[in-house]
Amino acid sequence: MAQYTPPPPRICPACDGFAFVAVTLGGRDHRGHLRTVTAHCPACQGTGTATARRIREGARA
């Protein structure tokens, strides 16, 4: 009997699935840790997946 496997999630084309990254600000704090900021992908709002779009094929005549 065949098992149902769900389709893989669509990866966001803007960030290639890396939805958020830590960017260093340069330098270290007084304890020696790197100062970083988190940046989220604006296209997928930090999820890493894109929503499926319906593509309309041609116009009705």
N, C-alpha and C. Protein backbone atom coordinates (compact mmCIF):
# COMPACT_ATOMS: atom_id res chain seq x y z
N MET A 1 0.85 -1.17 0.00
CA MET A 1 0.00 0.00 0.00
C MET A 1 0.90 1.24 0.00
N ALA A 2 0.60 2.18 -0.84
CA ALA A 2 1.41 3.39 -0.96
C ALA A 2 1.11 4.34 0.19
N GLN A 3 2.15 5.01 0.65
CA GLN A 3 1.98 5.99 1.71
C GLN A 3 1.95 7.39 1.11
N TYR A 4 1.15 8.21 1.68
CA TYR A 4 1.06 9.60 1.22
C TYR A 4 2.22 10.40 1.79
N THR A 5 2.95 11.06 0.95
CA THR A 5 4.02 11.95 1.42
C THR A 5 3.64 13.37 1.01
N PRO A 6 3.60 14.28 1.95
CA PRO A 6 3.22 15.66 1.62
C PRO A 6 4.31 16.30 0.76
N PRO A 7 3.92 17.23 -0.10
CA PRO A 7 4.93 17.90 -0.92
C PRO A 7 5.83 18.76 -0.05
N PRO A 8 7.09 18.93 -0.45
CA PRO A 8 7.99 19.76 0.35
C PRO A 8 7.53 21.21 0.33
N PRO A 9 7.80 21.95 1.40
CA PRO A 9 7.38 23.35 1.42
C PRO A 9 8.16 24.15 0.39
N ARG A 10 7.51 25.16 -0.15
CA ARG A 10 8.17 26.01 -1.14
C ARG A 10 9.15 26.93 -0.45
N ILE A 11 10.38 26.93 -0.92
CA ILE A 11 11.42 27.77 -0.33
C ILE A 11 11.28 29.18 -0.88
N CYS A 12 11.44 30.15 -0.02
CA CYS A 12 11.33 31.56 -0.40
C CYS A 12 12.44 31.90 -1.41
N PRO A 13 12.09 32.47 -2.56
CA PRO A 13 13.10 32.80 -3.56
C PRO A 13 13.97 33.98 -3.16
N ALA A 14 13.51 34.80 -2.25
CA ALA A 14 14.29 35.98 -1.86
C ALA A 14 15.44 35.62 -0.92
N CYS A 15 15.22 34.65 -0.02
CA CYS A 15 16.25 34.34 0.98
C CYS A 15 16.77 32.91 0.89
N ASP A 16 16.25 32.11 -0.04
CA ASP A 16 16.65 30.71 -0.21
C ASP A 16 16.46 29.87 1.06
N GLY A 17 15.47 30.19 1.85
CA GLY A 17 15.17 29.42 3.05
C GLY A 17 15.88 29.89 4.31
N PHE A 18 16.83 30.80 4.19
CA PHE A 18 17.50 31.36 5.36
C PHE A 18 16.72 32.61 5.76
N ALA A 19 15.69 32.42 6.54
CA ALA A 19 14.73 33.48 6.81
C ALA A 19 15.25 34.60 7.70
N PHE A 20 16.17 34.31 8.58
CA PHE A 20 16.74 35.37 9.40
C PHE A 20 18.22 35.09 9.62
N VAL A 21 18.96 36.14 9.74
CA VAL A 21 20.41 36.03 9.91
C VAL A 21 20.85 36.94 11.04
N ALA A 22 22.00 36.63 11.60
CA ALA A 22 22.62 37.50 12.62
C ALA A 22 23.74 38.26 11.94
N VAL A 23 23.66 39.57 11.98
CA VAL A 23 24.65 40.44 11.34
C VAL A 23 25.49 41.07 12.44
N THR A 24 26.81 40.98 12.30
CA THR A 24 27.68 41.59 13.31
C THR A 24 27.77 43.08 13.07
N LEU A 25 27.83 43.83 14.15
CA LEU A 25 27.92 45.28 14.06
C LEU A 25 29.37 45.76 14.07
N GLY A 26 30.29 44.84 14.25
CA GLY A 26 31.70 45.22 14.33
C GLY A 26 32.04 45.57 15.76
N GLY A 27 33.12 45.05 16.23
CA GLY A 27 33.53 45.32 17.61
C GLY A 27 32.90 44.36 18.58
N ARG A 28 33.32 44.49 19.81
CA ARG A 28 32.83 43.62 20.88
C ARG A 28 32.38 44.48 22.07
N ASP A 29 31.54 43.88 22.92
CA ASP A 29 31.12 44.60 24.11
C ASP A 29 32.17 44.44 25.21
N HIS A 30 31.88 44.97 26.38
CA HIS A 30 32.88 44.96 27.46
C HIS A 30 33.17 43.56 28.00
N ARG A 31 32.30 42.58 27.71
CA ARG A 31 32.54 41.19 28.13
C ARG A 31 33.21 40.36 27.05
N GLY A 32 33.46 40.94 25.87
CA GLY A 32 34.13 40.23 24.80
C GLY A 32 33.22 39.54 23.80
N HIS A 33 31.90 39.74 23.91
CA HIS A 33 30.96 39.11 22.98
C HIS A 33 30.77 39.99 21.75
N LEU A 34 30.58 39.33 20.59
CA LEU A 34 30.29 40.09 19.38
C LEU A 34 28.91 40.72 19.47
N ARG A 35 28.80 41.95 19.02
CA ARG A 35 27.49 42.61 18.99
C ARG A 35 26.82 42.25 17.67
N THR A 36 25.61 41.72 17.73
CA THR A 36 24.88 41.30 16.53
C THR A 36 23.46 41.84 16.55
N VAL A 37 22.88 41.91 15.37
CA VAL A 37 21.48 42.26 15.20
C VAL A 37 20.85 41.16 14.34
N THR A 38 19.59 40.89 14.55
CA THR A 38 18.90 39.88 13.76
C THR A 38 18.13 40.58 12.64
N ALA A 39 18.29 40.09 11.42
CA ALA A 39 17.58 40.65 10.26
C ALA A 39 16.67 39.56 9.68
N HIS A 40 15.40 39.92 9.46
CA HIS A 40 14.42 38.98 8.91
C HIS A 40 14.18 39.28 7.44
N CYS A 41 13.86 38.25 6.68
CA CYS A 41 13.55 38.40 5.26
C CYS A 41 12.22 39.13 5.11
N PRO A 42 12.17 40.24 4.37
CA PRO A 42 10.91 40.97 4.23
C PRO A 42 9.91 40.26 3.33
N ALA A 43 10.37 39.38 2.45
CA ALA A 43 9.45 38.71 1.53
C ALA A 43 8.62 37.64 2.23
N CYS A 44 9.23 36.87 3.14
CA CYS A 44 8.51 35.76 3.79
C CYS A 44 8.25 36.03 5.28
N GLN A 45 8.60 37.19 5.77
CA GLN A 45 8.42 37.58 7.18
C GLN A 45 9.09 36.61 8.14
N GLY A 46 10.24 36.06 7.74
CA GLY A 46 11.01 35.21 8.63
C GLY A 46 10.59 33.77 8.72
N THR A 47 9.76 33.29 7.79
CA THR A 47 9.35 31.89 7.84
C THR A 47 10.23 30.99 6.98
N GLY A 48 10.81 31.54 5.92
CA GLY A 48 11.66 30.75 5.03
C GLY A 48 10.91 30.03 3.93
N THR A 49 9.58 30.10 3.96
CA THR A 49 8.78 29.46 2.92
C THR A 49 7.93 30.51 2.21
N ALA A 50 7.62 30.24 0.97
CA ALA A 50 6.80 31.15 0.18
C ALA A 50 5.41 30.55 0.02
N THR A 51 4.44 31.39 -0.08
CA THR A 51 3.08 30.91 -0.30
C THR A 51 2.92 30.55 -1.77
N ALA A 52 2.13 29.53 -2.02
CA ALA A 52 1.89 29.10 -3.40
C ALA A 52 0.96 30.11 -4.07
N ARG A 53 1.33 30.49 -5.26
CA ARG A 53 0.49 31.42 -6.03
C ARG A 53 -0.19 30.65 -7.15
N ARG A 54 -1.38 31.06 -7.44
CA ARG A 54 -2.07 30.48 -8.59
C ARG A 54 -1.70 31.30 -9.82
N ILE A 55 -1.25 30.60 -10.82
CA ILE A 55 -0.87 31.27 -12.06
C ILE A 55 -2.03 31.12 -13.04
N ARG A 56 -2.52 32.24 -13.48
CA ARG A 56 -3.63 32.21 -14.43
C ARG A 56 -3.05 32.02 -15.83
N GLU A 57 -3.52 31.00 -16.50
CA GLU A 57 -3.00 30.68 -17.81
C GLU A 57 -3.90 31.28 -18.87
N GLY A 58 -3.48 32.41 -19.40
CA GLY A 58 -4.21 33.04 -20.50
C GLY A 58 -5.49 33.70 -20.04
N ALA A 59 -5.96 34.56 -20.86
CA ALA A 59 -7.20 35.28 -20.56
C ALA A 59 -8.34 34.62 -21.34
N ARG A 60 -9.51 34.72 -20.79
CA ARG A 60 -10.68 34.19 -21.50
C ARG A 60 -11.04 35.14 -22.62
N ALA A 61 -11.36 34.57 -23.73
CA ALA A 61 -11.74 35.41 -24.88
C ALA A 61 -13.24 35.40 -25.06
